[in-house]
Amino acid sequence: MIKSDSVLDAKGLACPMPIVKTKKAINGLDSGEVLEIQATDKGSTADLKAWAQSTGHQYLGTVEEGTVLKHYLRKSSEEETNEKKHPNVMKNEELQQKLEVNQETVVLDVRESAEYAFSHIPNAKSIPLGELDNYMTELDKDAEIHVVCRTGNRSDLAAQKLTAAGFKQVINVVPGMSEWTGPTGKSVN
């Protein structure tokens, strides 16, 4: 099941109404929150993808349930334009090579659960940035932890938090899942 912060019922509506309603609904969300749009118009998939790209919001994916299309969008946030500050950084390609050698490499994915559900690095542990403080005890402070998000910004913040909490070997992976070319898994069909 994919977790969203808000659900918009656009069933039975044809273009452009799903976009009009989505624009209004996403304006009411906080940055980083996920909106589920339920639609029956087959064209809504392409429309929502294009709209998200043109507005800077993130299209996460679509799940079909019978005649209903459940689209997931993440509202863009200011954190995605913040300057990166964590000193230990690794490129996507370096992490991919490391994973090919050692499948036990610890990868922490700090994107929202809906983002993770649609695509993630196999065996990555999902702890959204907003929940990290609550789940730090599940992580080994002495392990080398590779932190990933969509663009390297949330993972930068997470890496700073972990380091401040006493974690010894924290590495921010950039540019993150937006440009990941290695193997991926997904939790939705």
N, C-alpha and C. Protein backbone atom coordinates (compact mmCIF):
# COMPACT_ATOMS: atom_id res chain seq x y z
N MET A 1 0.84 -1.19 0.00
CA MET A 1 0.00 0.00 0.00
C MET A 1 0.88 1.25 0.00
N ILE A 2 0.52 2.19 -0.82
CA ILE A 2 1.29 3.43 -0.95
C ILE A 2 0.67 4.49 -0.06
N LYS A 3 1.53 5.11 0.74
CA LYS A 3 1.07 6.13 1.68
C LYS A 3 1.05 7.49 0.97
N SER A 4 -0.10 8.17 1.08
CA SER A 4 -0.18 9.53 0.56
C SER A 4 -0.71 10.43 1.67
N ASP A 5 -0.46 11.72 1.52
CA ASP A 5 -0.90 12.68 2.54
C ASP A 5 -2.30 13.20 2.26
N SER A 6 -2.73 13.07 1.01
CA SER A 6 -4.05 13.56 0.63
C SER A 6 -4.53 12.78 -0.59
N VAL A 7 -5.85 12.62 -0.71
CA VAL A 7 -6.45 11.91 -1.85
C VAL A 7 -7.41 12.85 -2.57
N LEU A 8 -7.30 12.89 -3.89
CA LEU A 8 -8.17 13.71 -4.73
C LEU A 8 -9.01 12.79 -5.60
N ASP A 9 -10.31 12.92 -5.55
CA ASP A 9 -11.21 12.12 -6.37
C ASP A 9 -11.49 12.88 -7.67
N ALA A 10 -10.91 12.39 -8.78
CA ALA A 10 -11.14 13.00 -10.09
C ALA A 10 -11.78 11.96 -11.03
N LYS A 11 -12.42 10.95 -10.44
CA LYS A 11 -13.06 9.91 -11.24
C LYS A 11 -14.22 10.51 -12.03
N GLY A 12 -14.34 10.08 -13.29
CA GLY A 12 -15.43 10.54 -14.14
C GLY A 12 -15.15 11.88 -14.83
N LEU A 13 -14.01 12.50 -14.52
CA LEU A 13 -13.68 13.80 -15.12
C LEU A 13 -12.77 13.61 -16.33
N ALA A 14 -12.97 14.42 -17.35
CA ALA A 14 -12.13 14.37 -18.55
C ALA A 14 -11.23 15.61 -18.57
N CYS A 15 -10.21 15.53 -19.41
CA CYS A 15 -9.24 16.62 -19.57
C CYS A 15 -9.99 17.92 -19.85
N PRO A 16 -9.63 19.00 -19.23
CA PRO A 16 -8.49 19.27 -18.35
C PRO A 16 -8.82 19.20 -16.86
N MET A 17 -10.02 18.74 -16.51
CA MET A 17 -10.46 18.83 -15.12
C MET A 17 -9.57 18.10 -14.10
N PRO A 18 -9.02 16.90 -14.40
CA PRO A 18 -8.13 16.30 -13.40
C PRO A 18 -6.93 17.20 -13.08
N ILE A 19 -6.39 17.89 -14.08
CA ILE A 19 -5.26 18.80 -13.86
C ILE A 19 -5.71 20.02 -13.05
N VAL A 20 -6.86 20.58 -13.39
CA VAL A 20 -7.38 21.74 -12.67
C VAL A 20 -7.56 21.40 -11.19
N LYS A 21 -8.17 20.26 -10.91
CA LYS A 21 -8.39 19.85 -9.52
C LYS A 21 -7.07 19.52 -8.83
N THR A 22 -6.14 18.90 -9.56
CA THR A 22 -4.83 18.55 -8.99
C THR A 22 -4.08 19.81 -8.59
N LYS A 23 -4.09 20.82 -9.45
CA LYS A 23 -3.40 22.09 -9.16
C LYS A 23 -3.94 22.69 -7.87
N LYS A 24 -5.25 22.71 -7.71
CA LYS A 24 -5.85 23.26 -6.50
C LYS A 24 -5.50 22.43 -5.27
N ALA A 25 -5.55 21.10 -5.41
CA ALA A 25 -5.26 20.21 -4.28
C ALA A 25 -3.80 20.29 -3.85
N ILE A 26 -2.89 20.35 -4.82
CA ILE A 26 -1.46 20.35 -4.47
C ILE A 26 -1.07 21.67 -3.81
N ASN A 27 -1.77 22.76 -4.15
CA ASN A 27 -1.50 24.04 -3.49
C ASN A 27 -1.79 23.98 -2.00
N GLY A 28 -2.70 23.09 -1.59
CA GLY A 28 -3.04 22.96 -0.18
C GLY A 28 -2.12 22.04 0.59
N LEU A 29 -1.16 21.43 -0.08
CA LEU A 29 -0.22 20.53 0.58
C LEU A 29 1.05 21.27 0.99
N ASP A 30 1.74 20.71 1.97
CA ASP A 30 3.05 21.22 2.35
C ASP A 30 4.10 20.62 1.42
N SER A 31 5.23 21.28 1.31
CA SER A 31 6.33 20.78 0.48
C SER A 31 6.70 19.37 0.90
N GLY A 32 6.91 18.51 -0.09
CA GLY A 32 7.32 17.14 0.16
C GLY A 32 6.18 16.16 0.38
N GLU A 33 4.95 16.68 0.53
CA GLU A 33 3.82 15.77 0.75
C GLU A 33 3.38 15.13 -0.56
N VAL A 34 2.74 13.95 -0.44
CA VAL A 34 2.33 13.17 -1.60
C VAL A 34 0.82 13.24 -1.77
N LEU A 35 0.40 13.50 -3.02
CA LEU A 35 -1.02 13.56 -3.37
C LEU A 35 -1.37 12.35 -4.23
N GLU A 36 -2.44 11.65 -3.85
CA GLU A 36 -2.97 10.55 -4.67
C GLU A 36 -4.15 11.11 -5.45
N ILE A 37 -4.09 10.99 -6.79
CA ILE A 37 -5.18 11.45 -7.63
C ILE A 37 -5.86 10.21 -8.22
N GLN A 38 -7.13 10.03 -7.92
CA GLN A 38 -7.88 8.89 -8.44
C GLN A 38 -8.66 9.37 -9.66
N ALA A 39 -8.37 8.76 -10.83
CA ALA A 39 -8.98 9.19 -12.08
C ALA A 39 -9.41 7.98 -12.91
N THR A 40 -10.35 8.20 -13.82
CA THR A 40 -10.77 7.14 -14.73
C THR A 40 -10.41 7.48 -16.18
N ASP A 41 -10.02 8.71 -16.44
CA ASP A 41 -9.63 9.16 -17.78
C ASP A 41 -8.25 8.59 -18.12
N LYS A 42 -8.18 7.74 -19.16
CA LYS A 42 -6.91 7.10 -19.55
C LYS A 42 -5.84 8.13 -19.92
N GLY A 43 -6.25 9.27 -20.42
CA GLY A 43 -5.30 10.31 -20.79
C GLY A 43 -4.70 11.04 -19.59
N SER A 44 -5.24 10.79 -18.41
CA SER A 44 -4.76 11.50 -17.22
C SER A 44 -3.31 11.16 -16.89
N THR A 45 -2.85 9.96 -17.25
CA THR A 45 -1.47 9.59 -16.95
C THR A 45 -0.49 10.52 -17.66
N ALA A 46 -0.64 10.64 -18.97
CA ALA A 46 0.25 11.53 -19.74
C ALA A 46 0.08 12.98 -19.31
N ASP A 47 -1.17 13.38 -19.07
CA ASP A 47 -1.44 14.77 -18.66
C ASP A 47 -0.75 15.11 -17.35
N LEU A 48 -0.89 14.22 -16.35
CA LEU A 48 -0.30 14.50 -15.03
C LEU A 48 1.22 14.45 -15.07
N LYS A 49 1.77 13.53 -15.85
CA LYS A 49 3.24 13.48 -16.00
C LYS A 49 3.76 14.80 -16.56
N ALA A 50 3.13 15.26 -17.65
CA ALA A 50 3.57 16.51 -18.30
C ALA A 50 3.36 17.70 -17.37
N TRP A 51 2.23 17.75 -16.69
CA TRP A 51 1.96 18.87 -15.78
C TRP A 51 2.99 18.91 -14.65
N ALA A 52 3.27 17.74 -14.07
CA ALA A 52 4.25 17.68 -12.97
C ALA A 52 5.61 18.17 -13.44
N GLN A 53 6.02 17.71 -14.61
CA GLN A 53 7.32 18.13 -15.14
C GLN A 53 7.37 19.63 -15.38
N SER A 54 6.30 20.20 -15.90
CA SER A 54 6.29 21.63 -16.21
C SER A 54 6.22 22.51 -14.96
N THR A 55 5.72 21.96 -13.85
CA THR A 55 5.57 22.76 -12.64
C THR A 55 6.67 22.49 -11.60
N GLY A 56 7.49 21.47 -11.84
CA GLY A 56 8.56 21.16 -10.89
C GLY A 56 8.15 20.17 -9.82
N HIS A 57 6.89 19.72 -9.84
CA HIS A 57 6.47 18.69 -8.89
C HIS A 57 6.94 17.34 -9.43
N GLN A 58 6.96 16.33 -8.58
CA GLN A 58 7.50 15.04 -8.97
C GLN A 58 6.39 14.03 -9.21
N TYR A 59 6.30 13.52 -10.44
CA TYR A 59 5.38 12.44 -10.77
C TYR A 59 6.04 11.16 -10.28
N LEU A 60 5.40 10.44 -9.36
CA LEU A 60 5.99 9.23 -8.79
C LEU A 60 5.61 7.98 -9.57
N GLY A 61 4.36 7.91 -10.02
CA GLY A 61 3.91 6.74 -10.76
C GLY A 61 2.42 6.58 -10.66
N THR A 62 1.94 5.54 -11.33
CA THR A 62 0.50 5.26 -11.38
C THR A 62 0.26 3.79 -11.11
N VAL A 63 -0.77 3.50 -10.34
CA VAL A 63 -1.19 2.14 -10.06
C VAL A 63 -2.61 1.99 -10.60
N GLU A 64 -2.85 0.93 -11.39
CA GLU A 64 -4.20 0.67 -11.91
C GLU A 64 -4.92 -0.28 -10.98
N GLU A 65 -6.12 0.10 -10.58
CA GLU A 65 -6.98 -0.77 -9.79
C GLU A 65 -8.33 -0.83 -10.49
N GLY A 66 -8.50 -1.85 -11.32
CA GLY A 66 -9.71 -1.96 -12.13
C GLY A 66 -9.74 -0.82 -13.13
N THR A 67 -10.81 -0.03 -13.10
CA THR A 67 -10.93 1.10 -14.03
C THR A 67 -10.37 2.40 -13.45
N VAL A 68 -9.90 2.34 -12.20
CA VAL A 68 -9.39 3.54 -11.53
C VAL A 68 -7.86 3.60 -11.64
N LEU A 69 -7.38 4.74 -12.05
CA LEU A 69 -5.94 5.01 -12.09
C LEU A 69 -5.60 5.83 -10.86
N LYS A 70 -4.68 5.33 -10.06
CA LYS A 70 -4.23 6.08 -8.88
C LYS A 70 -2.86 6.67 -9.21
N HIS A 71 -2.83 7.98 -9.41
CA HIS A 71 -1.60 8.69 -9.74
C HIS A 71 -1.02 9.28 -8.44
N TYR A 72 0.30 9.27 -8.34
CA TYR A 72 0.95 9.81 -7.14
C TYR A 72 1.91 10.92 -7.55
N LEU A 73 1.73 12.10 -6.94
CA LEU A 73 2.59 13.26 -7.17
C LEU A 73 3.15 13.74 -5.84
N ARG A 74 4.39 14.18 -5.85
CA ARG A 74 5.02 14.75 -4.66
C ARG A 74 5.21 16.23 -4.91
N LYS A 75 4.73 17.04 -3.97
CA LYS A 75 4.87 18.49 -4.10
C LYS A 75 6.34 18.87 -3.94
N SER A 76 6.82 19.69 -4.86
CA SER A 76 8.22 20.12 -4.78
C SER A 76 8.46 20.92 -3.51
N SER A 77 9.70 20.93 -3.10
CA SER A 77 10.02 21.62 -1.85
C SER A 77 11.29 22.44 -2.00
N GLU A 78 11.41 23.42 -1.13
CA GLU A 78 12.59 24.31 -1.14
C GLU A 78 13.87 23.55 -0.85
N GLU A 79 13.78 22.47 -0.06
CA GLU A 79 14.99 21.72 0.31
C GLU A 79 15.72 21.20 -0.91
N GLU A 80 15.02 21.04 -2.03
CA GLU A 80 15.64 20.49 -3.22
C GLU A 80 16.54 21.49 -3.93
N THR A 81 16.54 22.74 -3.47
CA THR A 81 17.43 23.72 -4.05
C THR A 81 18.49 24.20 -3.04
N ASN A 82 18.45 23.61 -1.85
CA ASN A 82 19.42 24.01 -0.82
C ASN A 82 20.83 23.56 -1.19
N GLU A 83 21.80 24.30 -0.69
CA GLU A 83 23.20 23.97 -0.90
C GLU A 83 23.54 22.72 -0.11
N LYS A 84 24.31 21.84 -0.74
CA LYS A 84 24.74 20.61 -0.07
C LYS A 84 25.90 20.93 0.87
N LYS A 85 25.88 20.30 2.06
CA LYS A 85 26.90 20.63 3.06
C LYS A 85 27.65 19.44 3.62
N HIS A 86 27.10 18.21 3.49
CA HIS A 86 27.78 17.05 4.07
C HIS A 86 29.06 16.76 3.28
N PRO A 87 30.20 16.64 3.98
CA PRO A 87 31.48 16.52 3.28
C PRO A 87 31.73 15.18 2.59
N ASN A 88 31.17 14.07 3.11
CA ASN A 88 31.43 12.75 2.53
C ASN A 88 30.39 12.44 1.46
N VAL A 89 30.85 12.49 0.19
CA VAL A 89 29.95 12.33 -0.94
C VAL A 89 30.47 11.23 -1.85
N MET A 90 29.53 10.48 -2.44
CA MET A 90 29.88 9.42 -3.38
C MET A 90 28.96 9.55 -4.59
N LYS A 91 29.48 9.33 -5.77
CA LYS A 91 28.68 9.38 -7.00
C LYS A 91 27.86 8.09 -7.12
N ASN A 92 26.73 8.19 -7.83
CA ASN A 92 25.87 7.02 -8.08
C ASN A 92 26.68 5.82 -8.60
N GLU A 93 27.54 6.08 -9.56
CA GLU A 93 28.31 5.00 -10.20
C GLU A 93 29.21 4.28 -9.20
N GLU A 94 29.78 5.03 -8.26
CA GLU A 94 30.63 4.41 -7.24
C GLU A 94 29.82 3.49 -6.34
N LEU A 95 28.62 3.92 -5.95
CA LEU A 95 27.76 3.07 -5.12
C LEU A 95 27.34 1.84 -5.91
N GLN A 96 27.02 2.00 -7.17
CA GLN A 96 26.62 0.87 -8.00
C GLN A 96 27.73 -0.17 -8.06
N GLN A 97 28.99 0.27 -8.25
CA GLN A 97 30.13 -0.65 -8.27
C GLN A 97 30.30 -1.34 -6.92
N LYS A 98 30.12 -0.59 -5.84
CA LYS A 98 30.25 -1.15 -4.50
C LYS A 98 29.19 -2.23 -4.26
N LEU A 99 27.96 -1.97 -4.71
CA LEU A 99 26.86 -2.94 -4.53
C LEU A 99 27.09 -4.21 -5.35
N GLU A 100 27.74 -4.07 -6.52
CA GLU A 100 28.04 -5.25 -7.34
C GLU A 100 29.01 -6.17 -6.63
N VAL A 101 29.91 -5.61 -5.83
CA VAL A 101 30.91 -6.38 -5.09
C VAL A 101 30.34 -6.90 -3.77
N ASN A 102 29.55 -6.07 -3.09
CA ASN A 102 29.04 -6.43 -1.77
C ASN A 102 27.55 -6.10 -1.65
N GLN A 103 26.71 -7.14 -1.75
CA GLN A 103 25.26 -6.94 -1.65
C GLN A 103 24.83 -6.49 -0.25
N GLU A 104 25.69 -6.62 0.74
CA GLU A 104 25.36 -6.26 2.13
C GLU A 104 25.63 -4.78 2.43
N THR A 105 26.08 -4.02 1.43
CA THR A 105 26.32 -2.59 1.61
C THR A 105 25.03 -1.94 2.10
N VAL A 106 25.14 -1.11 3.14
CA VAL A 106 23.95 -0.47 3.73
C VAL A 106 23.58 0.77 2.92
N VAL A 107 22.34 0.74 2.37
CA VAL A 107 21.81 1.88 1.63
C VAL A 107 20.56 2.34 2.35
N LEU A 108 20.53 3.61 2.74
CA LEU A 108 19.39 4.20 3.43
C LEU A 108 18.70 5.16 2.46
N ASP A 109 17.45 4.86 2.12
CA ASP A 109 16.67 5.69 1.20
C ASP A 109 15.77 6.59 2.03
N VAL A 110 15.98 7.91 1.97
CA VAL A 110 15.23 8.85 2.80
C VAL A 110 14.12 9.59 2.04
N ARG A 111 13.74 9.05 0.88
CA ARG A 111 12.61 9.63 0.15
C ARG A 111 11.31 9.20 0.83
N GLU A 112 10.20 9.81 0.43
CA GLU A 112 8.90 9.43 0.96
C GLU A 112 8.58 7.99 0.56
N SER A 113 7.73 7.33 1.33
CA SER A 113 7.44 5.92 1.07
C SER A 113 6.83 5.70 -0.31
N ALA A 114 6.06 6.64 -0.81
CA ALA A 114 5.49 6.49 -2.16
C ALA A 114 6.58 6.53 -3.22
N GLU A 115 7.58 7.38 -3.05
CA GLU A 115 8.70 7.42 -3.99
C GLU A 115 9.43 6.09 -3.99
N TYR A 116 9.69 5.58 -2.80
CA TYR A 116 10.39 4.30 -2.62
C TYR A 116 9.59 3.17 -3.27
N ALA A 117 8.27 3.18 -3.11
CA ALA A 117 7.43 2.10 -3.61
C ALA A 117 7.55 1.95 -5.13
N PHE A 118 7.69 3.06 -5.85
CA PHE A 118 7.72 3.00 -7.30
C PHE A 118 9.10 2.64 -7.85
N SER A 119 10.17 2.92 -7.13
CA SER A 119 11.51 2.57 -7.60
C SER A 119 12.52 2.80 -6.49
N HIS A 120 13.33 1.76 -6.22
CA HIS A 120 14.37 1.90 -5.21
C HIS A 120 15.53 0.95 -5.50
N ILE A 121 16.64 1.21 -4.87
CA ILE A 121 17.80 0.33 -4.98
C ILE A 121 17.45 -0.95 -4.21
N PRO A 122 17.66 -2.13 -4.83
CA PRO A 122 17.34 -3.37 -4.14
C PRO A 122 17.99 -3.43 -2.75
N ASN A 123 17.23 -3.88 -1.77
CA ASN A 123 17.66 -4.04 -0.37
C ASN A 123 17.90 -2.73 0.38
N ALA A 124 17.58 -1.59 -0.24
CA ALA A 124 17.72 -0.31 0.47
C ALA A 124 16.70 -0.26 1.60
N LYS A 125 17.10 0.33 2.71
CA LYS A 125 16.19 0.51 3.85
C LYS A 125 15.48 1.85 3.68
N SER A 126 14.15 1.82 3.76
CA SER A 126 13.36 3.04 3.57
C SER A 126 13.02 3.67 4.91
N ILE A 127 13.56 4.87 5.14
CA ILE A 127 13.18 5.69 6.29
C ILE A 127 13.08 7.13 5.77
N PRO A 128 11.85 7.63 5.54
CA PRO A 128 11.70 9.00 5.05
C PRO A 128 12.40 10.00 5.97
N LEU A 129 12.96 11.04 5.38
CA LEU A 129 13.71 12.05 6.13
C LEU A 129 12.93 12.55 7.35
N GLY A 130 11.64 12.80 7.18
CA GLY A 130 10.82 13.32 8.28
C GLY A 130 10.66 12.34 9.44
N GLU A 131 10.96 11.07 9.22
CA GLU A 131 10.82 10.05 10.26
C GLU A 131 12.17 9.55 10.78
N LEU A 132 13.25 10.09 10.24
CA LEU A 132 14.59 9.60 10.56
C LEU A 132 14.90 9.62 12.06
N ASP A 133 14.54 10.71 12.74
CA ASP A 133 14.82 10.80 14.17
C ASP A 133 14.19 9.65 14.95
N ASN A 134 13.02 9.19 14.52
CA ASN A 134 12.32 8.11 15.22
C ASN A 134 12.91 6.73 14.97
N TYR A 135 13.70 6.58 13.90
CA TYR A 135 14.19 5.25 13.54
C TYR A 135 15.71 5.11 13.56
N MET A 136 16.42 6.10 14.08
CA MET A 136 17.88 6.02 14.10
C MET A 136 18.39 4.81 14.88
N THR A 137 17.64 4.38 15.87
CA THR A 137 18.08 3.24 16.69
C THR A 137 18.11 1.95 15.87
N GLU A 138 17.45 1.92 14.73
CA GLU A 138 17.46 0.73 13.87
C GLU A 138 18.72 0.64 13.02
N LEU A 139 19.55 1.66 13.08
CA LEU A 139 20.77 1.71 12.27
C LEU A 139 22.00 1.50 13.14
N ASP A 140 23.02 0.88 12.58
CA ASP A 140 24.28 0.62 13.28
C ASP A 140 25.18 1.85 13.16
N LYS A 141 25.52 2.45 14.30
CA LYS A 141 26.32 3.69 14.29
C LYS A 141 27.72 3.48 13.73
N ASP A 142 28.20 2.25 13.72
CA ASP A 142 29.55 1.98 13.22
C ASP A 142 29.57 1.52 11.76
N ALA A 143 28.42 1.22 11.19
CA ALA A 143 28.35 0.74 9.80
C ALA A 143 28.55 1.91 8.83
N GLU A 144 29.06 1.58 7.66
CA GLU A 144 29.14 2.57 6.58
C GLU A 144 27.74 2.66 5.98
N ILE A 145 27.14 3.85 6.04
CA ILE A 145 25.77 4.05 5.58
C ILE A 145 25.78 4.99 4.38
N HIS A 146 25.22 4.50 3.27
CA HIS A 146 25.11 5.29 2.04
C HIS A 146 23.70 5.82 1.97
N VAL A 147 23.55 7.14 2.03
CA VAL A 147 22.22 7.76 2.09
C VAL A 147 21.85 8.28 0.70
N VAL A 148 20.63 7.91 0.26
CA VAL A 148 20.17 8.29 -1.08
C VAL A 148 18.78 8.90 -1.00
N CYS A 149 18.51 9.85 -1.90
CA CYS A 149 17.17 10.43 -2.08
C CYS A 149 17.00 10.63 -3.58
N ARG A 150 16.15 11.54 -3.97
CA ARG A 150 15.93 11.76 -5.41
C ARG A 150 17.05 12.56 -6.05
N THR A 151 17.52 13.63 -5.38
CA THR A 151 18.49 14.53 -6.00
C THR A 151 19.77 14.75 -5.20
N GLY A 152 19.85 14.18 -4.01
CA GLY A 152 21.03 14.39 -3.17
C GLY A 152 20.84 15.46 -2.12
N ASN A 153 19.69 16.12 -2.08
CA ASN A 153 19.46 17.19 -1.11
C ASN A 153 18.91 16.68 0.22
N ARG A 154 17.83 15.89 0.15
CA ARG A 154 17.31 15.32 1.40
C ARG A 154 18.34 14.37 2.01
N SER A 155 19.06 13.64 1.16
CA SER A 155 20.08 12.73 1.68
C SER A 155 21.21 13.51 2.33
N ASP A 156 21.50 14.71 1.82
CA ASP A 156 22.50 15.57 2.44
C ASP A 156 22.06 15.95 3.85
N LEU A 157 20.79 16.35 3.99
CA LEU A 157 20.26 16.70 5.31
C LEU A 157 20.28 15.48 6.25
N ALA A 158 19.90 14.32 5.71
CA ALA A 158 19.90 13.10 6.52
C ALA A 158 21.32 12.74 6.95
N ALA A 159 22.27 12.87 6.05
CA ALA A 159 23.67 12.57 6.37
C ALA A 159 24.18 13.49 7.48
N GLN A 160 23.80 14.77 7.42
CA GLN A 160 24.19 15.70 8.47
C GLN A 160 23.57 15.30 9.81
N LYS A 161 22.28 14.91 9.79
CA LYS A 161 21.60 14.49 11.02
C LYS A 161 22.27 13.26 11.63
N LEU A 162 22.56 12.28 10.78
CA LEU A 162 23.18 11.04 11.27
C LEU A 162 24.56 11.31 11.86
N THR A 163 25.34 12.11 11.17
CA THR A 163 26.68 12.45 11.66
C THR A 163 26.59 13.18 13.00
N ALA A 164 25.66 14.11 13.11
CA ALA A 164 25.47 14.85 14.37
C ALA A 164 25.03 13.92 15.51
N ALA A 165 24.36 12.81 15.15
CA ALA A 165 23.89 11.85 16.16
C ALA A 165 24.95 10.80 16.51
N GLY A 166 26.15 10.94 15.95
CA GLY A 166 27.24 10.05 16.32
C GLY A 166 27.53 8.92 15.35
N PHE A 167 26.90 8.91 14.19
CA PHE A 167 27.20 7.88 13.18
C PHE A 167 28.56 8.22 12.58
N LYS A 168 29.40 7.20 12.42
CA LYS A 168 30.80 7.43 12.07
C LYS A 168 31.08 7.50 10.56
N GLN A 169 30.39 6.68 9.77
CA GLN A 169 30.71 6.56 8.34
C GLN A 169 29.47 6.80 7.49
N VAL A 170 29.10 8.05 7.31
CA VAL A 170 27.90 8.39 6.56
C VAL A 170 28.31 9.03 5.24
N ILE A 171 27.75 8.52 4.15
CA ILE A 171 28.10 9.01 2.82
C ILE A 171 26.83 9.42 2.07
N ASN A 172 26.81 10.64 1.55
CA ASN A 172 25.69 11.13 0.75
C ASN A 172 25.92 10.71 -0.70
N VAL A 173 24.94 10.02 -1.30
CA VAL A 173 25.05 9.55 -2.67
C VAL A 173 24.38 10.57 -3.60
N VAL A 174 25.15 11.08 -4.57
CA VAL A 174 24.65 12.09 -5.51
C VAL A 174 24.86 11.64 -6.95
N PRO A 175 24.01 12.00 -7.85
CA PRO A 175 22.84 12.84 -7.70
C PRO A 175 21.60 12.10 -7.19
N GLY A 176 21.70 10.85 -6.86
CA GLY A 176 20.56 10.14 -6.28
C GLY A 176 19.69 9.45 -7.32
N MET A 177 18.48 9.09 -6.90
CA MET A 177 17.60 8.24 -7.72
C MET A 177 17.14 8.91 -9.02
N SER A 178 17.19 10.23 -9.10
CA SER A 178 16.78 10.90 -10.34
C SER A 178 17.67 10.49 -11.51
N GLU A 179 18.90 10.06 -11.22
CA GLU A 179 19.82 9.66 -12.29
C GLU A 179 20.40 8.27 -12.05
N TRP A 180 19.77 7.47 -11.21
CA TRP A 180 20.25 6.12 -10.91
C TRP A 180 20.07 5.22 -12.14
N THR A 181 21.14 4.56 -12.58
CA THR A 181 21.07 3.68 -13.74
C THR A 181 21.28 2.22 -13.36
N GLY A 182 21.54 1.96 -12.09
CA GLY A 182 21.74 0.59 -11.63
C GLY A 182 20.43 -0.15 -11.47
N PRO A 183 20.50 -1.39 -10.96
CA PRO A 183 19.29 -2.17 -10.75
C PRO A 183 18.34 -1.49 -9.77
N THR A 184 17.03 -1.68 -10.02
CA THR A 184 16.02 -1.13 -9.12
C THR A 184 14.97 -2.19 -8.84
N GLY A 185 14.28 -1.98 -7.75
CA GLY A 185 13.14 -2.80 -7.40
C GLY A 185 11.96 -1.88 -7.19
N LYS A 186 10.77 -2.46 -7.08
CA LYS A 186 9.62 -1.64 -6.73
C LYS A 186 8.68 -2.47 -5.90
N SER A 187 7.88 -1.78 -5.09
CA SER A 187 6.98 -2.44 -4.16
C SER A 187 5.54 -2.44 -4.67
N VAL A 188 5.31 -1.87 -5.87
CA VAL A 188 3.97 -1.84 -6.45
C VAL A 188 4.01 -2.54 -7.80
N ASN A 189 2.88 -3.06 -8.22
CA ASN A 189 2.82 -3.75 -9.53
C ASN A 189 2.25 -2.87 -10.61
